[in-house]
Amino acid sequence: MDASYILHKYKKIGVPKDDDSVIEDLNKKSIISKEIMDLIVRLKGFRNILVHKYGAVDDELVFENLTKNIHDFEKIVNYFLGLMNK
């Protein structure tokens, strides 16, 4: 999300009202693809579970989710790095 906010500011899109509007604005301006937008939204949901329900989170489920879906994190990072190199 931090990288999304930075990109939003760098592209001078305006003042976002919340996390979702940042991601939607970037997609509407064709700065990020729908695929990347959907990944960010899904991973943001996972982050929110970790942050807001830390004590009630199943560690095994978190480990499984991270190891099975690490490519999603890598895909987003590489996408944003590619945008920085343009």
Protein backbone atom coordinates (compact mmCIF):
# COMPACT_ATOMS: atom_id res chain seq x y z
CA MET A 1 0.00 0.00 0.00
CA ASP A 2 2.86 2.37 0.77
CA ALA A 3 4.24 1.94 -2.75
CA SER A 4 0.74 2.56 -4.15
CA TYR A 5 0.46 5.82 -2.22
CA ILE A 6 3.92 6.91 -3.37
CA LEU A 7 3.08 6.12 -6.99
CA HIS A 8 -0.26 7.91 -6.66
CA LYS A 9 1.51 11.02 -5.39
CA TYR A 10 4.32 10.78 -7.97
CA LYS A 11 1.78 10.61 -10.81
CA LYS A 12 -0.04 13.66 -9.31
CA ILE A 13 -3.43 12.00 -9.47
CA GLY A 14 -4.87 14.03 -6.60
CA VAL A 15 -5.70 13.44 -2.97
CA PRO A 16 -7.05 9.93 -2.36
CA LYS A 17 -9.78 9.43 0.21
CA ASP A 18 -8.66 5.96 1.33
CA ASP A 19 -6.62 2.88 0.43
CA ASP A 20 -9.19 1.58 -2.02
CA SER A 21 -9.36 4.85 -3.93
CA VAL A 22 -5.56 4.87 -4.32
CA ILE A 23 -5.63 1.47 -5.98
CA GLU A 24 -8.70 2.25 -8.07
CA ASP A 25 -7.24 5.58 -9.25
CA LEU A 26 -4.02 3.89 -10.36
CA ASN A 27 -6.01 1.34 -12.32
CA LYS A 28 -8.37 3.91 -13.88
CA LYS A 29 -5.35 5.90 -15.09
CA SER A 30 -3.90 2.67 -16.58
CA ILE A 31 -0.87 2.90 -14.31
CA ILE A 32 -1.49 -0.54 -12.82
CA SER A 33 -3.28 -3.43 -14.48
CA LYS A 34 -6.48 -5.00 -13.18
CA GLU A 35 -4.49 -8.11 -12.29
CA ILE A 36 -2.11 -6.11 -10.10
CA MET A 37 -5.00 -4.13 -8.60
CA ASP A 38 -6.77 -7.38 -7.65
CA LEU A 39 -3.56 -8.79 -6.11
CA ILE A 40 -3.03 -5.64 -4.05
CA VAL A 41 -6.63 -5.73 -2.81
CA ARG A 42 -6.31 -9.41 -1.84
CA LEU A 43 -2.97 -8.94 -0.09
CA LYS A 44 -4.28 -5.81 1.66
CA GLY A 45 -7.06 -7.95 3.10
CA PHE A 46 -4.48 -10.48 4.33
CA ARG A 47 -2.45 -7.64 5.87
CA ASN A 48 -5.53 -6.32 7.64
CA ILE A 49 -6.22 -9.72 9.19
CA LEU A 50 -2.63 -9.88 10.44
CA VAL A 51 -2.66 -6.34 11.82
CA HIS A 52 -6.10 -6.22 13.38
CA LYS A 53 -6.49 -9.80 14.61
CA TYR A 54 -2.89 -10.59 15.45
CA GLY A 55 -3.65 -12.59 18.59
CA ALA A 56 -6.34 -14.66 16.89
CA VAL A 57 -4.43 -15.48 13.70
CA ASP A 58 -3.60 -19.11 12.95
CA ASP A 59 0.19 -19.15 12.51
CA GLU A 60 0.10 -22.27 10.36
CA LEU A 61 -2.44 -20.69 8.03
CA VAL A 62 -0.30 -17.55 7.75
CA PHE A 63 2.81 -19.61 6.99
CA GLU A 64 0.96 -21.66 4.39
CA ASN A 65 -0.49 -18.52 2.78
CA LEU A 66 2.89 -16.81 2.62
CA THR A 67 4.78 -19.79 1.24
CA LYS A 68 2.12 -20.71 -1.35
CA ASN A 69 1.52 -17.15 -2.47
CA ILE A 70 4.96 -15.58 -2.20
CA HIS A 71 4.92 -15.20 -6.00
CA ASP A 72 2.08 -12.69 -5.59
CA PHE A 73 4.29 -10.45 -3.46
CA GLU A 74 7.12 -10.83 -5.96
CA LYS A 75 4.81 -10.03 -8.87
CA ILE A 76 3.69 -6.76 -7.25
CA VAL A 77 7.23 -5.76 -6.29
CA ASN A 78 8.54 -6.47 -9.78
CA TYR A 79 5.63 -4.60 -11.35
CA PHE A 80 6.32 -1.51 -9.24
CA LEU A 81 10.05 -1.74 -9.90
CA GLY A 82 9.31 -1.89 -13.61
CA LEU A 83 7.24 1.29 -13.31
CA MET A 84 10.14 3.02 -11.56
CA ASN A 85 12.50 2.14 -14.41
CA LYS A 86 10.28 3.74 -17.09
